[in-house]
C-alpha cells in the first residue's frame, strides 16, 4: 500500500512538473524575443491570414515559436488583421504584437508625409509629390506626375468617383486638369507602398471632405464647383492676408456683376507660367483663356489650389463698392472706387 501511494505521488510530481514546465515553456515562447529595443518594419498585406503572418513574424525574428503562436491564437480572442505597414519591436511580446496588428494603432504605423502649400500651382505640387514618391529603388520626376495628372483615362476614373470633378477639367485649353482641386494640407500616409494614384486619391478625398461642407453654399452662389474654385484661386493668389480676402473677393464680384474684366495680373502670369511681381504691357497681350485682361469673365480654370479660408471668404465676400485695389510693399491694400483713384494710389505707392 505504501509503495502504491509512493508511486502515485511520484506520478503526480512528474505530471505537475510536466504541466509546470509546459506553462513555463509556453510563457517563455510568447514573451519578447529580446529585452533590448530593435525596431523591425513589418507589412501586413491585404487579405493576409494570421497563419501566414505568424510565419513572417518568425522570419523577421519577432517571435520565438510558430507553434506556440498558433496555440495562442486558438485560445485567445484576437482581432482581425489590419493591412498596413507597421513599426514593431523585438522587445514586444506576442500579445502586444497581435494587439497592434489587429487594431492598426496609428502610432505603430510607418508614416510618410508631404505638404501642399496653399496658393501653390500644380507644377509645384507635382514637384512635391515627385520628391515624396522617389525612393532608392524608384525615381519619380515632376514630369511623371504631371503626365499622370493629365492622363485622360485616369481623369475619367476620377470624374466618375468624385462629385466635384466634371468634364470641365477635360477642356483642351486647360493647362493642368487638376489645378485647383488638390487641397493644400500636410498629408500623412501610413504605408511605404504608395504611388501617384494612391497619393492623388488621398488628396482628393480631403478635397471632397472640404468641398462637401460648402456644397449647398456653392450651389446657392450660382457658380459651378469649377467656376467657384476658379474664382477662389484668384482671390487666393491676390491676397496676402486672410483679413483682405472677403474685401478682394467683393471687388472681383463687383466686376463680374457689371461684366467688367477681372484684369488680374495673377491670371496673366499663370498663362505665361511665370512667377514674378511686375507685368508688362506685352504680357497683357498673351492670347490665353486664362488672361483676364483679354477675355471677360472668369478664366478657363483655377490658377492655384485654394485654402478653406479663401473658400469661406469667397462665399461670404464683403458687399462693397470698390472696383480696384493696390497692394503696397508691406502688404497693405488700398481700395478704390474709380480708376482715377486707383491710378493715384499706384503712382504714389509703386514699389517694384
Protein backbone atom coordinates (compact mmCIF):
# COMPACT_ATOMS: atom_id res chain seq x y z
CA UNK A 1 0.00 0.00 0.00
CA UNK A 2 2.82 2.37 0.85
CA UNK A 3 4.52 1.52 -2.43
CA UNK A 4 1.30 2.34 -4.34
CA UNK A 5 0.93 5.64 -2.52
CA UNK A 6 4.56 6.50 -3.25
CA UNK A 7 4.07 5.57 -6.90
CA UNK A 8 1.02 7.83 -7.16
CA UNK A 9 2.90 10.67 -5.50
CA UNK A 10 5.79 10.26 -7.94
CA UNK A 11 3.37 10.23 -10.88
CA UNK A 12 1.67 13.40 -9.62
CA UNK A 13 5.02 15.10 -9.16
CA UNK A 14 6.03 14.16 -12.69
CA UNK A 15 2.70 15.38 -14.06
CA UNK A 16 2.89 18.63 -12.13
CA UNK A 17 6.46 19.11 -13.23
CA UNK A 18 5.40 18.48 -16.81
CA UNK A 19 2.48 20.89 -16.57
CA UNK A 20 4.63 23.46 -14.81
CA UNK A 21 7.36 23.04 -17.39
CA UNK A 22 4.84 23.36 -20.21
CA UNK A 23 3.44 26.55 -18.69
CA UNK A 24 6.92 27.96 -18.27
CA UNK A 25 7.79 26.97 -21.85
CA UNK A 26 4.54 28.49 -23.17
CA UNK A 27 5.01 31.76 -21.29
CA UNK A 28 8.60 31.96 -22.39
CA UNK A 29 7.61 31.31 -26.01
CA UNK A 30 5.06 34.15 -26.10
CA UNK A 31 7.41 36.58 -24.37
CA UNK A 32 9.52 39.14 -26.24
CA UNK A 33 12.41 37.85 -28.32
CA UNK A 34 14.71 40.41 -26.72
CA UNK A 35 14.79 42.75 -23.75
CA UNK A 36 16.59 45.29 -25.95
CA UNK A 37 14.77 47.59 -28.34
CA UNK A 38 15.26 46.82 -32.04
CA UNK A 39 12.71 48.23 -34.48
CA UNK A 40 11.51 46.00 -37.31
CA UNK A 41 9.37 47.16 -40.21
CA UNK A 42 6.61 44.63 -40.78
CA UNK A 43 3.99 44.64 -43.52
CA UNK A 44 0.56 43.03 -43.42
CA UNK A 45 -0.82 42.76 -46.94
CA UNK A 46 -4.50 42.94 -47.84
CA UNK A 47 -6.08 39.52 -47.38
CA UNK A 48 -3.29 38.20 -45.13
CA UNK A 49 -4.14 35.46 -42.60
CA UNK A 50 -2.67 35.05 -39.14
CA UNK A 51 -1.17 31.73 -40.22
CA UNK A 52 0.87 33.46 -42.91
CA UNK A 53 1.66 36.43 -40.69
CA UNK A 54 2.99 34.12 -37.95
CA UNK A 55 5.47 32.64 -40.40
CA UNK A 56 6.58 36.12 -41.46
CA UNK A 57 6.88 37.27 -37.85
CA UNK A 58 9.18 34.31 -37.16
CA UNK A 59 11.28 35.03 -40.27
CA UNK A 60 11.65 38.65 -39.11
CA UNK A 61 12.84 37.49 -35.69
CA UNK A 62 9.82 38.96 -33.88
CA UNK A 63 8.51 35.75 -32.29
CA UNK A 64 10.20 32.70 -30.84
CA UNK A 65 7.94 29.83 -31.82
CA UNK A 66 5.36 29.48 -34.60
CA UNK A 67 3.57 26.52 -32.98
CA UNK A 68 3.07 28.36 -29.70
CA UNK A 69 1.92 31.43 -31.61
CA UNK A 70 -0.75 29.33 -33.32
CA UNK A 71 -1.82 27.89 -29.94
CA UNK A 72 -2.08 31.45 -28.63
CA UNK A 73 -4.44 32.28 -31.48
CA UNK A 74 -6.54 29.22 -30.73
CA UNK A 75 -7.11 30.09 -27.08
CA UNK A 76 -7.31 33.88 -27.28
CA UNK A 77 -9.76 36.29 -28.89
CA UNK A 78 -7.54 38.13 -31.39
CA UNK A 79 -8.92 40.95 -33.63
CA UNK A 80 -8.95 40.62 -37.42
CA UNK A 81 -5.73 41.72 -39.07
CA UNK A 82 -5.50 45.30 -40.33
CA UNK A 83 -3.49 45.56 -43.55
CA UNK A 84 -0.73 48.18 -43.27
CA UNK A 85 2.99 48.67 -42.69
CA UNK A 86 3.99 48.62 -39.02
CA UNK A 87 6.89 49.56 -36.80
CA UNK A 88 7.22 46.59 -34.45
CA UNK A 89 9.99 45.91 -31.96
CA UNK A 90 11.81 42.79 -30.80
CA UNK A 91 11.07 43.76 -27.19
CA UNK A 92 7.32 43.28 -27.79
CA UNK A 93 5.63 40.10 -26.62
CA UNK A 94 3.20 38.10 -28.73
CA UNK A 95 0.13 39.63 -27.10
CA UNK A 96 1.32 43.17 -27.88
CA UNK A 97 2.20 42.31 -31.47
CA UNK A 98 -1.18 40.70 -32.18
CA UNK A 99 -2.93 43.62 -30.47
CA UNK A 100 -1.14 46.11 -32.75
CA UNK A 101 -1.74 44.12 -35.93
CA UNK A 102 -5.37 43.53 -35.03
CA UNK A 103 -6.21 47.12 -34.16
CA UNK A 104 -3.92 49.03 -36.53
CA UNK A 105 -2.86 51.57 -33.91
CA UNK A 106 -1.69 54.72 -35.68
CA UNK A 107 1.39 55.25 -33.51
CA UNK A 108 2.83 51.97 -34.80
CA UNK A 109 2.21 52.64 -38.48
CA UNK A 110 5.00 53.51 -40.88
CA UNK A 111 4.10 57.04 -41.94
CA UNK A 112 5.34 59.37 -44.61
CA UNK A 113 4.20 62.93 -45.09
CA UNK A 114 4.29 65.76 -47.58
CA UNK A 115 2.87 69.29 -47.56
CA UNK A 116 0.97 71.08 -50.29
CA UNK A 117 1.28 74.81 -49.66
CA UNK A 118 -1.84 76.92 -50.12
CA UNK A 119 -1.80 79.05 -53.23
CA UNK A 120 0.74 76.83 -54.98
CA UNK A 121 0.22 75.81 -58.60
CA UNK A 122 0.04 72.26 -59.89
CA UNK A 123 3.62 72.15 -61.27
CA UNK A 124 4.86 72.99 -57.77
CA UNK A 125 2.57 70.37 -56.25
CA UNK A 126 3.86 67.85 -58.80
CA UNK A 127 7.40 68.67 -57.70
CA UNK A 128 6.47 68.00 -54.06
CA UNK A 129 4.79 64.70 -54.94
CA UNK A 130 7.69 63.58 -57.12
CA UNK A 131 10.09 64.17 -54.23
CA UNK A 132 7.80 62.28 -51.86
CA UNK A 133 7.36 59.32 -54.20
CA UNK A 134 11.02 58.96 -55.15
CA UNK A 135 12.82 56.16 -53.30
CA UNK A 136 16.18 54.48 -53.53
CA UNK A 137 14.61 51.96 -55.91
CA UNK A 138 12.30 54.24 -57.90
CA UNK A 139 12.86 57.68 -59.40
CA UNK A 140 9.68 59.71 -59.95
CA UNK A 141 10.07 63.01 -61.81
CA UNK A 142 7.87 66.09 -61.76
CA UNK A 143 7.02 65.38 -65.39
CA UNK A 144 5.93 61.85 -64.45
CA UNK A 145 3.42 63.28 -62.00
CA UNK A 146 2.18 65.96 -64.41
CA UNK A 147 1.76 63.37 -67.16
CA UNK A 148 -0.27 61.10 -64.87
CA UNK A 149 -2.48 64.02 -63.82
CA UNK A 150 -3.16 64.78 -67.49
CA UNK A 151 -3.94 61.19 -68.47
CA UNK A 152 -7.49 61.15 -69.83
CA UNK A 153 -8.20 57.60 -68.66
CA UNK A 154 -7.11 58.42 -65.11
CA UNK A 155 -9.07 61.68 -65.13
CA UNK A 156 -12.19 59.89 -66.36
CA UNK A 157 -11.88 57.46 -63.47
CA UNK A 158 -11.59 60.37 -61.05
CA UNK A 159 -14.60 62.16 -62.53
CA UNK A 160 -16.67 59.00 -62.01
CA UNK A 161 -15.54 58.78 -58.38
CA UNK A 162 -15.74 62.40 -57.14
CA UNK A 163 -18.89 64.52 -57.43
CA UNK A 164 -16.96 67.81 -57.70
CA UNK A 165 -14.93 66.76 -60.75
CA UNK A 166 -16.68 67.29 -64.07
CA UNK A 167 -15.85 67.27 -67.77
CA UNK A 168 -14.79 70.92 -67.31
CA UNK A 169 -11.32 69.67 -66.42
CA UNK A 170 -11.03 67.85 -69.76
CA UNK A 171 -11.15 71.06 -71.82
CA UNK A 172 -8.08 71.08 -74.07
CA UNK A 173 -7.44 74.74 -73.24
CA UNK A 174 -6.86 73.94 -69.56
CA UNK A 175 -3.16 73.70 -68.77
CA UNK A 176 -3.39 71.29 -65.84
CA UNK A 177 -6.72 69.46 -65.38
CA UNK A 178 -6.47 69.05 -61.61
CA UNK A 179 -5.25 72.58 -60.93
CA UNK A 180 -7.26 73.94 -58.00
CA UNK A 181 -8.55 70.53 -56.93
CA UNK A 182 -5.57 69.34 -54.88
CA UNK A 183 -6.33 70.68 -51.42
CA UNK A 184 -3.40 72.35 -49.60
CA UNK A 185 -2.54 70.50 -46.41
CA UNK A 186 0.05 68.25 -44.78
CA UNK A 187 -0.74 64.66 -45.70
CA UNK A 188 0.37 61.64 -43.69
CA UNK A 189 0.30 58.29 -45.46
CA UNK A 190 0.51 55.16 -43.36
CA UNK A 191 2.25 52.85 -45.80
CA UNK A 192 5.58 52.71 -47.58
CA UNK A 193 3.83 51.22 -50.63
CA UNK A 194 2.50 54.35 -52.34
CA UNK A 195 2.27 55.52 -55.93
CA UNK A 196 0.96 58.54 -57.81
CA UNK A 197 -2.59 57.19 -57.98
CA UNK A 198 -2.93 56.37 -54.28
CA UNK A 199 -1.49 59.77 -53.32
CA UNK A 200 -3.92 61.59 -55.61
CA UNK A 201 -6.84 59.63 -54.19
CA UNK A 202 -5.72 60.61 -50.69
CA UNK A 203 -5.58 64.30 -51.64
CA UNK A 204 -8.91 64.25 -53.48
CA UNK A 205 -10.54 62.51 -50.52
CA UNK A 206 -9.54 65.53 -48.46
CA UNK A 207 -10.75 67.92 -51.16
CA UNK A 208 -14.03 66.03 -51.12
CA UNK A 209 -14.37 66.47 -47.37
CA UNK A 210 -13.74 70.21 -47.63
CA UNK A 211 -15.97 70.91 -50.64
CA UNK A 212 -18.82 68.77 -49.32
CA UNK A 213 -19.01 71.13 -46.36
CA UNK A 214 -19.58 74.02 -48.76
CA UNK A 215 -21.69 72.17 -51.32
CA UNK A 216 -25.04 73.84 -50.66
CA UNK A 217 -23.48 77.31 -50.41
CA UNK A 218 -21.65 76.81 -53.71
CA UNK A 219 -24.90 75.75 -55.36
CA UNK A 220 -26.64 78.85 -53.95
CA UNK A 221 -23.85 81.07 -55.29
CA UNK A 222 -24.91 80.33 -58.84
CA UNK A 223 -21.45 79.07 -59.70
CA UNK A 224 -20.44 75.56 -60.64
CA UNK A 225 -17.75 73.99 -58.47
CA UNK A 226 -15.26 74.58 -61.27
CA UNK A 227 -16.19 78.25 -61.50
CA UNK A 228 -16.14 78.60 -57.73
CA UNK A 229 -12.62 77.17 -57.41
CA UNK A 230 -11.51 79.33 -60.32
CA UNK A 231 -12.84 82.46 -58.60
CA UNK A 232 -11.33 81.40 -55.25
CA UNK A 233 -7.93 80.74 -56.80
CA UNK A 234 -7.69 84.34 -57.99
CA UNK A 235 -8.63 85.62 -54.53
CA UNK A 236 -6.08 83.21 -53.04
CA UNK A 237 -3.21 84.48 -55.14
CA UNK A 238 -4.18 88.16 -54.93
CA UNK A 239 -4.49 88.20 -51.11
CA UNK A 240 -1.55 88.34 -48.75
CA UNK A 241 -3.61 88.34 -45.55
CA UNK A 242 -6.81 86.47 -44.66
CA UNK A 243 -8.36 89.73 -43.46
CA UNK A 244 -8.25 91.13 -47.02
CA UNK A 245 -9.82 88.12 -48.72
CA UNK A 246 -13.52 89.00 -48.25
CA UNK A 247 -12.92 92.54 -49.49
CA UNK A 248 -10.85 91.45 -52.51
CA UNK A 249 -13.47 88.81 -53.32
CA UNK A 250 -16.04 91.62 -53.20
CA UNK A 251 -14.01 93.67 -55.69
CA UNK A 252 -13.87 90.81 -58.19
CA UNK A 253 -17.57 90.04 -57.66
CA UNK A 254 -18.41 93.69 -58.37
CA UNK A 255 -16.52 93.47 -61.66
CA UNK A 256 -18.22 90.25 -62.71
CA UNK A 257 -21.65 91.66 -61.95
CA UNK A 258 -21.21 94.55 -64.41
CA UNK A 259 -19.36 92.43 -66.98
CA UNK A 260 -16.15 94.32 -66.29
CA UNK A 261 -12.99 92.35 -66.95
CA UNK A 262 -11.33 90.99 -63.83
CA UNK A 263 -7.87 92.14 -65.03
CA UNK A 264 -5.86 90.10 -62.55
CA UNK A 265 -2.10 90.07 -63.08
CA UNK A 266 -2.05 86.65 -61.46
CA UNK A 267 -4.04 85.16 -64.34
CA UNK A 268 -1.68 86.68 -66.91
CA UNK A 269 1.38 85.27 -65.15
CA UNK A 270 -0.33 81.89 -64.92
CA UNK A 271 -0.96 81.94 -68.66
CA UNK A 272 2.76 82.62 -69.10
CA UNK A 273 3.65 80.06 -66.40
CA UNK A 274 5.85 82.62 -64.66
CA UNK A 275 6.06 83.87 -61.10
CA UNK A 276 7.12 87.49 -60.67
CA UNK A 277 5.70 90.79 -59.49
CA UNK A 278 5.75 93.10 -62.48
CA UNK A 279 3.57 92.54 -65.55
CA UNK A 280 4.40 94.34 -68.80
CA UNK A 281 2.05 95.59 -71.49
CA UNK A 282 3.45 92.87 -73.75
CA UNK A 283 2.46 90.27 -71.12
CA UNK A 284 -1.12 91.51 -71.18
CA UNK A 285 -1.38 90.54 -74.85
CA UNK A 286 -0.82 86.83 -74.28
CA UNK A 287 -3.63 85.03 -76.08
CA UNK A 288 -4.84 82.67 -73.42
CA UNK A 289 -8.24 81.96 -71.89
CA UNK A 290 -6.51 82.46 -68.56
CA UNK A 291 -5.78 86.10 -69.44
CA UNK A 292 -8.47 88.14 -67.70
CA UNK A 293 -7.22 91.34 -69.32
CA UNK A 294 -8.01 89.95 -72.74
CA UNK A 295 -11.11 87.88 -72.01
CA UNK A 296 -14.19 88.75 -69.94
CA UNK A 297 -15.46 86.67 -67.05
CA UNK A 298 -13.55 84.04 -65.16
CA UNK A 299 -10.50 82.34 -66.66
CA UNK A 300 -10.99 78.86 -68.05
CA UNK A 301 -9.86 77.21 -64.83
CA UNK A 302 -8.22 77.71 -61.43
CA UNK A 303 -4.75 79.27 -61.27
CA UNK A 304 -3.72 77.66 -57.96
CA UNK A 305 -5.02 75.47 -55.20
CA UNK A 306 -7.36 77.03 -52.66
CA UNK A 307 -7.47 77.05 -48.86
CA UNK A 308 -10.69 76.73 -46.87
CA UNK A 309 -10.24 80.28 -45.54
CA UNK A 310 -10.36 81.58 -49.12
CA UNK A 311 -13.43 79.47 -49.90
CA UNK A 312 -15.10 80.90 -46.82
CA UNK A 313 -14.15 84.46 -47.78
CA UNK A 314 -15.37 83.99 -51.34
CA UNK A 315 -18.73 82.63 -50.23
CA UNK A 316 -19.08 85.42 -47.69
CA UNK A 317 -17.46 88.22 -49.66
CA UNK A 318 -17.74 91.80 -48.46
CA UNK A 319 -20.51 93.73 -50.18
CA UNK A 320 -18.60 96.93 -51.05
CA UNK A 321 -18.48 99.44 -53.89
CA UNK A 322 -14.80 99.02 -54.78
CA UNK A 323 -13.64 98.03 -58.24
CA UNK A 324 -9.88 98.37 -57.80
CA UNK A 325 -7.20 97.57 -55.23
CA UNK A 326 -3.46 98.06 -54.97
CA UNK A 327 -1.12 96.06 -52.72
CA UNK A 328 1.69 98.06 -51.12
CA UNK A 329 5.14 96.71 -50.29
CA UNK A 330 4.17 95.94 -46.68
CA UNK A 331 1.06 94.06 -47.77
CA UNK A 332 -1.33 96.88 -47.01
CA UNK A 333 -4.11 97.06 -49.59
CA UNK A 334 -5.56 100.34 -50.88
CA UNK A 335 -9.08 100.01 -52.27
CA UNK A 336 -10.52 102.42 -54.84
CA UNK A 337 -13.90 103.09 -56.40
CA UNK A 338 -12.66 104.71 -59.61
CA UNK A 339 -9.79 104.16 -61.99
CA UNK A 340 -8.50 107.66 -61.23
CA UNK A 341 -8.27 106.85 -57.51
CA UNK A 342 -6.57 103.57 -58.32
CA UNK A 343 -4.01 105.17 -60.66
CA UNK A 344 -3.14 107.72 -58.00
CA UNK A 345 -2.71 105.00 -55.35
CA UNK A 346 -0.48 103.00 -57.71
CA UNK A 347 1.64 106.03 -58.61
CA UNK A 348 2.14 107.07 -55.00
CA UNK A 349 2.87 103.59 -53.69
CA UNK A 350 4.55 101.72 -56.53
CA UNK A 351 7.37 99.62 -55.08
CA UNK A 352 8.71 97.48 -57.94
